[in-house]
Amino acid sequence: MSQTGSTLRAARQLLLHYGLTDADHPHYASIDGRLTPQAAIYRAATGTLPPEFLTDPDKARHLLRHNPRTWDCIRWVSVVLHTEPGTDTATGQPDLISHIDNWCADPDPFTGRRPTLHHVVDLLHFAATTADTLTDTAPAIPAPRTAA
């Protein structure tokens, strides 16, 4: 199991315990403990959730981008989504945070409903399994001993 997969599974458990924020909520976490997938990933990766996640989305985005384990998990979640991320105008790079935000907020074109908590935890499970499958490396096999 990869470190990324373990972190994503822990984020999944945090969401199941605390709940998913309303897609219209302006911050990455709510005062009652509910989280966005990104906030759950950050908390799973670091063991803490700074107050910026409750008060300042721009600072929270900065924290998400600059924690390597968190960013790696966010990349895997973005990879398994069925849509392509937009471009961050400030960096010219794919905007993976907004990619996840938009998936959580936009209704499904076929059902007209937004993803539920269970859709989100299934997505995190799929990202964890994908990360494990594509990054898991087998231990090196020792060379056979030669007869002396």
N, C-alpha and C. Protein backbone atom coordinates (compact mmCIF):
# COMPACT_ATOMS: atom_id res chain seq x y z
N MET A 1 0.85 -1.17 0.00
CA MET A 1 0.00 0.00 0.00
C MET A 1 0.90 1.24 0.00
N SER A 2 0.60 2.18 -0.86
CA SER A 2 1.40 3.40 -0.96
C SER A 2 1.03 4.38 0.14
N GLN A 3 1.93 5.32 0.40
CA GLN A 3 1.68 6.37 1.37
C GLN A 3 0.49 7.23 0.91
N THR A 4 0.43 7.47 -0.39
CA THR A 4 -0.68 8.24 -0.95
C THR A 4 -2.00 7.51 -0.72
N GLY A 5 -2.03 6.22 -1.02
CA GLY A 5 -3.23 5.43 -0.81
C GLY A 5 -3.67 5.44 0.65
N SER A 6 -2.71 5.31 1.56
CA SER A 6 -3.03 5.34 2.99
C SER A 6 -3.62 6.69 3.40
N THR A 7 -3.07 7.78 2.88
CA THR A 7 -3.57 9.11 3.20
C THR A 7 -4.98 9.30 2.66
N LEU A 8 -5.22 8.85 1.44
CA LEU A 8 -6.55 8.97 0.85
C LEU A 8 -7.58 8.14 1.61
N ARG A 9 -7.18 6.98 2.09
CA ARG A 9 -8.10 6.16 2.88
C ARG A 9 -8.41 6.84 4.23
N ALA A 10 -7.40 7.47 4.81
CA ALA A 10 -7.63 8.20 6.07
C ALA A 10 -8.56 9.40 5.82
N ALA A 11 -8.39 10.08 4.70
CA ALA A 11 -9.28 11.20 4.35
C ALA A 11 -10.71 10.70 4.18
N ARG A 12 -10.84 9.55 3.59
CA ARG A 12 -12.16 8.94 3.41
C ARG A 12 -12.83 8.70 4.76
N GLN A 13 -12.06 8.18 5.71
CA GLN A 13 -12.60 7.94 7.05
C GLN A 13 -12.98 9.25 7.76
N LEU A 14 -12.18 10.29 7.56
CA LEU A 14 -12.51 11.60 8.14
C LEU A 14 -13.83 12.12 7.58
N LEU A 15 -14.02 11.98 6.28
CA LEU A 15 -15.29 12.43 5.68
C LEU A 15 -16.47 11.61 6.20
N LEU A 16 -16.28 10.32 6.34
CA LEU A 16 -17.36 9.49 6.87
C LEU A 16 -17.71 9.87 8.30
N HIS A 17 -16.70 10.28 9.06
CA HIS A 17 -16.93 10.66 10.46
C HIS A 17 -17.51 12.07 10.60
N TYR A 18 -16.92 13.04 9.90
CA TYR A 18 -17.31 14.44 10.08
C TYR A 18 -18.36 14.93 9.08
N GLY A 19 -18.44 14.30 7.93
CA GLY A 19 -19.41 14.71 6.92
C GLY A 19 -18.80 15.62 5.86
N LEU A 20 -19.55 15.82 4.82
CA LEU A 20 -19.14 16.62 3.67
C LEU A 20 -19.80 17.99 3.75
N THR A 21 -19.01 19.05 3.51
CA THR A 21 -19.59 20.39 3.51
C THR A 21 -20.58 20.53 2.37
N ASP A 22 -21.48 21.47 2.52
CA ASP A 22 -22.42 21.81 1.47
C ASP A 22 -21.61 22.41 0.32
N ALA A 23 -21.93 22.05 -0.90
CA ALA A 23 -21.18 22.53 -2.07
C ALA A 23 -21.24 24.04 -2.21
N ASP A 24 -22.24 24.68 -1.62
CA ASP A 24 -22.35 26.14 -1.70
C ASP A 24 -21.61 26.85 -0.57
N HIS A 25 -21.03 26.09 0.35
CA HIS A 25 -20.30 26.69 1.46
C HIS A 25 -19.03 27.34 0.92
N PRO A 26 -18.71 28.57 1.35
CA PRO A 26 -17.58 29.29 0.74
C PRO A 26 -16.19 28.86 1.20
N HIS A 27 -16.10 28.00 2.23
CA HIS A 27 -14.80 27.62 2.77
C HIS A 27 -14.58 26.12 2.64
N TYR A 28 -13.36 25.69 2.98
CA TYR A 28 -13.01 24.28 2.84
C TYR A 28 -13.43 23.42 4.03
N ALA A 29 -13.87 24.06 5.10
CA ALA A 29 -14.39 23.35 6.26
C ALA A 29 -15.46 24.22 6.90
N SER A 30 -16.36 23.58 7.62
CA SER A 30 -17.40 24.35 8.29
C SER A 30 -17.21 24.23 9.80
N ILE A 31 -17.79 25.16 10.50
CA ILE A 31 -17.62 25.23 11.96
C ILE A 31 -18.12 23.97 12.66
N ASP A 32 -19.07 23.26 12.05
CA ASP A 32 -19.59 22.03 12.66
C ASP A 32 -18.73 20.80 12.36
N GLY A 33 -17.59 21.00 11.69
CA GLY A 33 -16.65 19.91 11.46
C GLY A 33 -16.68 19.31 10.07
N ARG A 34 -17.72 19.60 9.28
CA ARG A 34 -17.79 19.02 7.94
C ARG A 34 -16.65 19.55 7.08
N LEU A 35 -16.21 18.75 6.13
CA LEU A 35 -15.01 19.03 5.33
C LEU A 35 -15.28 18.88 3.84
N THR A 36 -14.47 19.55 3.04
CA THR A 36 -14.40 19.24 1.62
C THR A 36 -13.42 18.08 1.46
N PRO A 37 -13.39 17.44 0.31
CA PRO A 37 -12.40 16.38 0.12
C PRO A 37 -10.97 16.89 0.31
N GLN A 38 -10.69 18.11 -0.16
CA GLN A 38 -9.34 18.65 -0.04
C GLN A 38 -8.95 18.88 1.42
N ALA A 39 -9.88 19.40 2.22
CA ALA A 39 -9.60 19.62 3.64
C ALA A 39 -9.39 18.29 4.36
N ALA A 40 -10.18 17.29 4.00
CA ALA A 40 -10.02 15.96 4.61
C ALA A 40 -8.64 15.39 4.24
N ILE A 41 -8.22 15.59 3.01
CA ILE A 41 -6.90 15.11 2.58
C ILE A 41 -5.81 15.83 3.37
N TYR A 42 -5.93 17.15 3.50
CA TYR A 42 -4.92 17.91 4.23
C TYR A 42 -4.84 17.42 5.68
N ARG A 43 -5.99 17.24 6.31
CA ARG A 43 -5.99 16.79 7.70
C ARG A 43 -5.42 15.38 7.82
N ALA A 44 -5.74 14.51 6.88
CA ALA A 44 -5.20 13.15 6.90
C ALA A 44 -3.69 13.16 6.70
N ALA A 45 -3.20 14.07 5.88
CA ALA A 45 -1.77 14.12 5.58
C ALA A 45 -0.96 14.76 6.70
N THR A 46 -1.55 15.74 7.39
CA THR A 46 -0.79 16.51 8.38
C THR A 46 -1.20 16.25 9.82
N GLY A 47 -2.40 15.71 10.01
CA GLY A 47 -2.90 15.50 11.36
C GLY A 47 -3.55 16.73 11.98
N THR A 48 -3.66 17.80 11.21
CA THR A 48 -4.24 19.04 11.72
C THR A 48 -5.00 19.76 10.62
N LEU A 49 -5.83 20.71 11.03
CA LEU A 49 -6.54 21.53 10.06
C LEU A 49 -6.45 22.98 10.54
N PRO A 50 -5.59 23.78 9.92
CA PRO A 50 -5.43 25.17 10.34
C PRO A 50 -6.72 25.98 10.18
N PRO A 51 -6.87 27.05 10.95
CA PRO A 51 -8.10 27.87 10.91
C PRO A 51 -8.37 28.48 9.54
N GLU A 52 -7.37 28.60 8.70
CA GLU A 52 -7.57 29.15 7.35
C GLU A 52 -8.58 28.35 6.55
N PHE A 53 -8.72 27.07 6.85
CA PHE A 53 -9.69 26.25 6.14
C PHE A 53 -11.13 26.65 6.48
N LEU A 54 -11.28 27.31 7.62
CA LEU A 54 -12.60 27.79 8.05
C LEU A 54 -12.86 29.23 7.64
N THR A 55 -11.79 29.98 7.35
CA THR A 55 -11.95 31.43 7.20
C THR A 55 -11.44 32.03 5.90
N ASP A 56 -10.41 31.44 5.31
CA ASP A 56 -9.74 32.08 4.18
C ASP A 56 -9.42 31.07 3.07
N PRO A 57 -10.30 30.96 2.08
CA PRO A 57 -10.09 29.97 1.02
C PRO A 57 -8.77 30.15 0.25
N ASP A 58 -8.32 31.38 0.07
CA ASP A 58 -7.06 31.60 -0.66
C ASP A 58 -5.86 31.06 0.12
N LYS A 59 -5.84 31.31 1.42
CA LYS A 59 -4.74 30.78 2.24
C LYS A 59 -4.84 29.26 2.33
N ALA A 60 -6.06 28.75 2.40
CA ALA A 60 -6.24 27.29 2.44
C ALA A 60 -5.70 26.66 1.15
N ARG A 61 -5.99 27.28 0.02
CA ARG A 61 -5.48 26.77 -1.27
C ARG A 61 -3.95 26.77 -1.28
N HIS A 62 -3.37 27.82 -0.71
CA HIS A 62 -1.91 27.90 -0.61
C HIS A 62 -1.36 26.73 0.22
N LEU A 63 -2.01 26.46 1.35
CA LEU A 63 -1.59 25.34 2.19
C LEU A 63 -1.74 24.01 1.46
N LEU A 64 -2.82 23.85 0.72
CA LEU A 64 -3.04 22.62 -0.04
C LEU A 64 -1.94 22.42 -1.08
N ARG A 65 -1.59 23.49 -1.78
CA ARG A 65 -0.59 23.39 -2.85
C ARG A 65 0.82 23.14 -2.32
N HIS A 66 1.10 23.61 -1.12
CA HIS A 66 2.48 23.58 -0.64
C HIS A 66 2.78 22.49 0.38
N ASN A 67 1.88 21.55 0.56
CA ASN A 67 2.17 20.37 1.36
C ASN A 67 2.32 19.21 0.38
N PRO A 68 3.53 18.67 0.25
CA PRO A 68 3.78 17.66 -0.79
C PRO A 68 2.86 16.44 -0.73
N ARG A 69 2.61 15.89 0.44
CA ARG A 69 1.76 14.71 0.51
C ARG A 69 0.32 15.06 0.13
N THR A 70 -0.16 16.20 0.61
CA THR A 70 -1.50 16.64 0.26
C THR A 70 -1.62 16.84 -1.24
N TRP A 71 -0.64 17.51 -1.83
CA TRP A 71 -0.69 17.80 -3.26
C TRP A 71 -0.67 16.52 -4.08
N ASP A 72 0.13 15.55 -3.64
CA ASP A 72 0.18 14.28 -4.35
C ASP A 72 -1.20 13.60 -4.33
N CYS A 73 -1.86 13.63 -3.19
CA CYS A 73 -3.20 13.04 -3.09
C CYS A 73 -4.21 13.78 -3.96
N ILE A 74 -4.14 15.10 -3.96
CA ILE A 74 -5.05 15.90 -4.79
C ILE A 74 -4.84 15.58 -6.26
N ARG A 75 -3.59 15.40 -6.67
CA ARG A 75 -3.31 15.02 -8.07
C ARG A 75 -3.98 13.70 -8.41
N TRP A 76 -3.91 12.71 -7.52
CA TRP A 76 -4.51 11.41 -7.80
C TRP A 76 -6.03 11.50 -7.87
N VAL A 77 -6.63 12.30 -7.00
CA VAL A 77 -8.09 12.46 -7.06
C VAL A 77 -8.47 13.10 -8.38
N SER A 78 -7.74 14.13 -8.80
CA SER A 78 -8.04 14.80 -10.06
C SER A 78 -7.88 13.84 -11.24
N VAL A 79 -6.88 12.98 -11.18
CA VAL A 79 -6.63 12.03 -12.27
C VAL A 79 -7.80 11.09 -12.49
N VAL A 80 -8.44 10.65 -11.42
CA VAL A 80 -9.51 9.66 -11.58
C VAL A 80 -10.88 10.28 -11.89
N LEU A 81 -10.98 11.60 -11.85
CA LEU A 81 -12.25 12.23 -12.25
C LEU A 81 -12.44 12.07 -13.76
N HIS A 82 -13.69 12.04 -14.18
CA HIS A 82 -14.00 11.81 -15.59
C HIS A 82 -13.94 13.07 -16.44
N THR A 83 -13.51 14.20 -15.86
CA THR A 83 -13.39 15.46 -16.59
C THR A 83 -11.94 15.94 -16.52
N GLU A 84 -11.63 16.91 -17.35
CA GLU A 84 -10.29 17.48 -17.36
C GLU A 84 -10.27 18.75 -16.50
N PRO A 85 -9.17 19.00 -15.79
CA PRO A 85 -9.10 20.23 -15.00
C PRO A 85 -8.92 21.45 -15.89
N GLY A 86 -9.40 22.59 -15.40
CA GLY A 86 -9.14 23.86 -16.07
C GLY A 86 -7.71 24.29 -15.80
N THR A 87 -7.35 25.45 -16.32
CA THR A 87 -6.00 25.97 -16.13
C THR A 87 -6.02 27.09 -15.10
N ASP A 88 -5.07 27.04 -14.18
CA ASP A 88 -4.91 28.11 -13.20
C ASP A 88 -4.26 29.28 -13.92
N THR A 89 -4.97 30.40 -14.00
CA THR A 89 -4.46 31.55 -14.76
C THR A 89 -3.20 32.12 -14.15
N ALA A 90 -3.01 31.98 -12.84
CA ALA A 90 -1.82 32.53 -12.19
C ALA A 90 -0.57 31.72 -12.50
N THR A 91 -0.71 30.40 -12.63
CA THR A 91 0.47 29.55 -12.82
C THR A 91 0.56 28.93 -14.21
N GLY A 92 -0.56 28.89 -14.93
CA GLY A 92 -0.57 28.22 -16.23
C GLY A 92 -0.64 26.70 -16.10
N GLN A 93 -0.71 26.19 -14.88
CA GLN A 93 -0.77 24.75 -14.63
C GLN A 93 -2.23 24.31 -14.47
N PRO A 94 -2.51 23.03 -14.59
CA PRO A 94 -3.87 22.56 -14.34
C PRO A 94 -4.32 22.94 -12.92
N ASP A 95 -5.55 23.42 -12.80
CA ASP A 95 -6.09 23.84 -11.50
C ASP A 95 -6.80 22.64 -10.87
N LEU A 96 -6.02 21.83 -10.18
CA LEU A 96 -6.54 20.58 -9.63
C LEU A 96 -7.49 20.80 -8.47
N ILE A 97 -7.25 21.84 -7.68
CA ILE A 97 -8.13 22.12 -6.53
C ILE A 97 -9.52 22.51 -7.03
N SER A 98 -9.58 23.41 -8.00
CA SER A 98 -10.88 23.79 -8.58
C SER A 98 -11.53 22.63 -9.32
N HIS A 99 -10.71 21.77 -9.89
CA HIS A 99 -11.24 20.60 -10.58
C HIS A 99 -12.09 19.76 -9.62
N ILE A 100 -11.57 19.53 -8.42
CA ILE A 100 -12.30 18.76 -7.42
C ILE A 100 -13.49 19.57 -6.89
N ASP A 101 -13.26 20.87 -6.64
CA ASP A 101 -14.36 21.74 -6.19
C ASP A 101 -15.53 21.70 -7.17
N ASN A 102 -15.22 21.84 -8.45
CA ASN A 102 -16.27 21.87 -9.47
C ASN A 102 -17.00 20.54 -9.56
N TRP A 103 -16.27 19.44 -9.45
CA TRP A 103 -16.92 18.13 -9.48
C TRP A 103 -17.91 18.00 -8.32
N CYS A 104 -17.51 18.48 -7.14
CA CYS A 104 -18.39 18.39 -5.97
C CYS A 104 -19.60 19.32 -6.09
N ALA A 105 -19.43 20.46 -6.76
CA ALA A 105 -20.49 21.47 -6.80
C ALA A 105 -21.44 21.34 -7.98
N ASP A 106 -20.95 20.81 -9.09
CA ASP A 106 -21.77 20.78 -10.31
C ASP A 106 -22.68 19.55 -10.34
N PRO A 107 -23.93 19.75 -10.67
CA PRO A 107 -24.84 18.60 -10.79
C PRO A 107 -24.41 17.68 -11.94
N ASP A 108 -24.64 16.41 -11.76
CA ASP A 108 -24.38 15.43 -12.80
C ASP A 108 -25.31 15.73 -13.97
N PRO A 109 -24.78 15.76 -15.21
CA PRO A 109 -25.63 16.10 -16.35
C PRO A 109 -26.75 15.09 -16.60
N PHE A 110 -26.60 13.87 -16.13
CA PHE A 110 -27.61 12.85 -16.38
C PHE A 110 -28.67 12.79 -15.29
N THR A 111 -28.25 13.01 -14.04
CA THR A 111 -29.20 12.89 -12.93
C THR A 111 -29.66 14.25 -12.41
N GLY A 112 -28.87 15.29 -12.66
CA GLY A 112 -29.20 16.61 -12.14
C GLY A 112 -28.88 16.77 -10.67
N ARG A 113 -28.17 15.79 -10.07
CA ARG A 113 -27.84 15.84 -8.65
C ARG A 113 -26.34 15.98 -8.45
N ARG A 114 -25.99 16.64 -7.37
CA ARG A 114 -24.57 16.77 -6.99
C ARG A 114 -24.10 15.47 -6.34
N PRO A 115 -22.79 15.25 -6.35
CA PRO A 115 -22.27 14.06 -5.67
C PRO A 115 -22.61 14.08 -4.18
N THR A 116 -22.95 12.94 -3.66
CA THR A 116 -23.25 12.80 -2.23
C THR A 116 -21.96 12.44 -1.50
N LEU A 117 -22.06 12.36 -0.18
CA LEU A 117 -20.93 11.92 0.63
C LEU A 117 -20.41 10.57 0.13
N HIS A 118 -21.33 9.67 -0.18
CA HIS A 118 -20.90 8.34 -0.62
C HIS A 118 -20.21 8.37 -1.98
N HIS A 119 -20.63 9.26 -2.86
CA HIS A 119 -19.91 9.41 -4.14
C HIS A 119 -18.48 9.89 -3.88
N VAL A 120 -18.34 10.84 -2.95
CA VAL A 120 -17.02 11.41 -2.66
C VAL A 120 -16.10 10.37 -2.02
N VAL A 121 -16.62 9.61 -1.05
CA VAL A 121 -15.75 8.61 -0.42
C VAL A 121 -15.42 7.49 -1.41
N ASP A 122 -16.33 7.17 -2.31
CA ASP A 122 -16.01 6.19 -3.36
C ASP A 122 -14.92 6.73 -4.28
N LEU A 123 -14.98 8.02 -4.59
CA LEU A 123 -13.95 8.64 -5.42
C LEU A 123 -12.59 8.56 -4.73
N LEU A 124 -12.55 8.86 -3.43
CA LEU A 124 -11.28 8.78 -2.69
C LEU A 124 -10.76 7.34 -2.65
N HIS A 125 -11.67 6.39 -2.50
CA HIS A 125 -11.26 4.98 -2.51
C HIS A 125 -10.66 4.59 -3.87
N PHE A 126 -11.31 5.03 -4.93
CA PHE A 126 -10.82 4.74 -6.28
C PHE A 126 -9.45 5.39 -6.50
N ALA A 127 -9.28 6.63 -6.04
CA ALA A 127 -7.99 7.32 -6.18
C ALA A 127 -6.92 6.58 -5.37
N ALA A 128 -7.26 6.12 -4.17
CA ALA A 128 -6.30 5.40 -3.32
C ALA A 128 -5.88 4.09 -3.99
N THR A 129 -6.85 3.35 -4.51
CA THR A 129 -6.56 2.08 -5.17
C THR A 129 -5.71 2.31 -6.42
N THR A 130 -6.02 3.35 -7.17
CA THR A 130 -5.25 3.67 -8.37
C THR A 130 -3.82 4.04 -7.99
N ALA A 131 -3.68 4.88 -6.97
CA ALA A 131 -2.33 5.26 -6.52
C ALA A 131 -1.54 4.04 -6.06
N ASP A 132 -2.18 3.15 -5.31
CA ASP A 132 -1.50 1.93 -4.87
C ASP A 132 -1.06 1.08 -6.05
N THR A 133 -1.94 0.93 -7.01
CA THR A 133 -1.65 0.07 -8.16
C THR A 133 -0.52 0.63 -9.02
N LEU A 134 -0.53 1.93 -9.21
CA LEU A 134 0.45 2.52 -10.14
C LEU A 134 1.74 2.99 -9.48
N THR A 135 1.78 3.04 -8.15
CA THR A 135 3.01 3.50 -7.50
C THR A 135 3.61 2.44 -6.61
N ASP A 136 2.92 1.35 -6.39
CA ASP A 136 3.43 0.29 -5.52
C ASP A 136 4.63 -0.36 -6.19
N THR A 137 5.70 -0.44 -5.45
CA THR A 137 6.90 -1.09 -5.99
C THR A 137 7.23 -2.29 -5.14
N ALA A 138 7.56 -3.35 -5.78
CA ALA A 138 7.93 -4.57 -5.07
C ALA A 138 9.32 -4.41 -4.48
N PRO A 139 9.57 -5.03 -3.35
CA PRO A 139 10.92 -4.95 -2.79
C PRO A 139 11.92 -5.60 -3.73
N ALA A 140 13.12 -5.10 -3.68
CA ALA A 140 14.16 -5.65 -4.55
C ALA A 140 14.41 -7.11 -4.19
N ILE A 141 14.57 -7.92 -5.20
CA ILE A 141 14.85 -9.34 -4.99
C ILE A 141 16.36 -9.48 -4.88
N PRO A 142 16.81 -10.04 -3.78
CA PRO A 142 18.27 -10.18 -3.62
C PRO A 142 18.84 -11.12 -4.69
N ALA A 143 20.05 -10.81 -5.05
CA ALA A 143 20.75 -11.66 -6.03
C ALA A 143 21.00 -13.02 -5.42
N PRO A 144 20.94 -14.07 -6.25
CA PRO A 144 21.18 -15.41 -5.71
C PRO A 144 22.63 -15.51 -5.20
N ARG A 145 22.77 -16.26 -4.16
CA ARG A 145 24.12 -16.46 -3.60
C ARG A 145 24.89 -17.38 -4.53
N THR A 146 26.15 -17.08 -4.66
CA THR A 146 26.99 -17.93 -5.50
C THR A 146 27.77 -18.88 -4.58
N ALA A 147 28.04 -20.03 -5.10
CA ALA A 147 28.78 -21.01 -4.34
C ALA A 147 30.23 -20.55 -4.24
N ALA A 148 30.80 -20.69 -3.07
CA ALA A 148 32.18 -20.25 -2.88
C ALA A 148 33.17 -21.32 -3.19
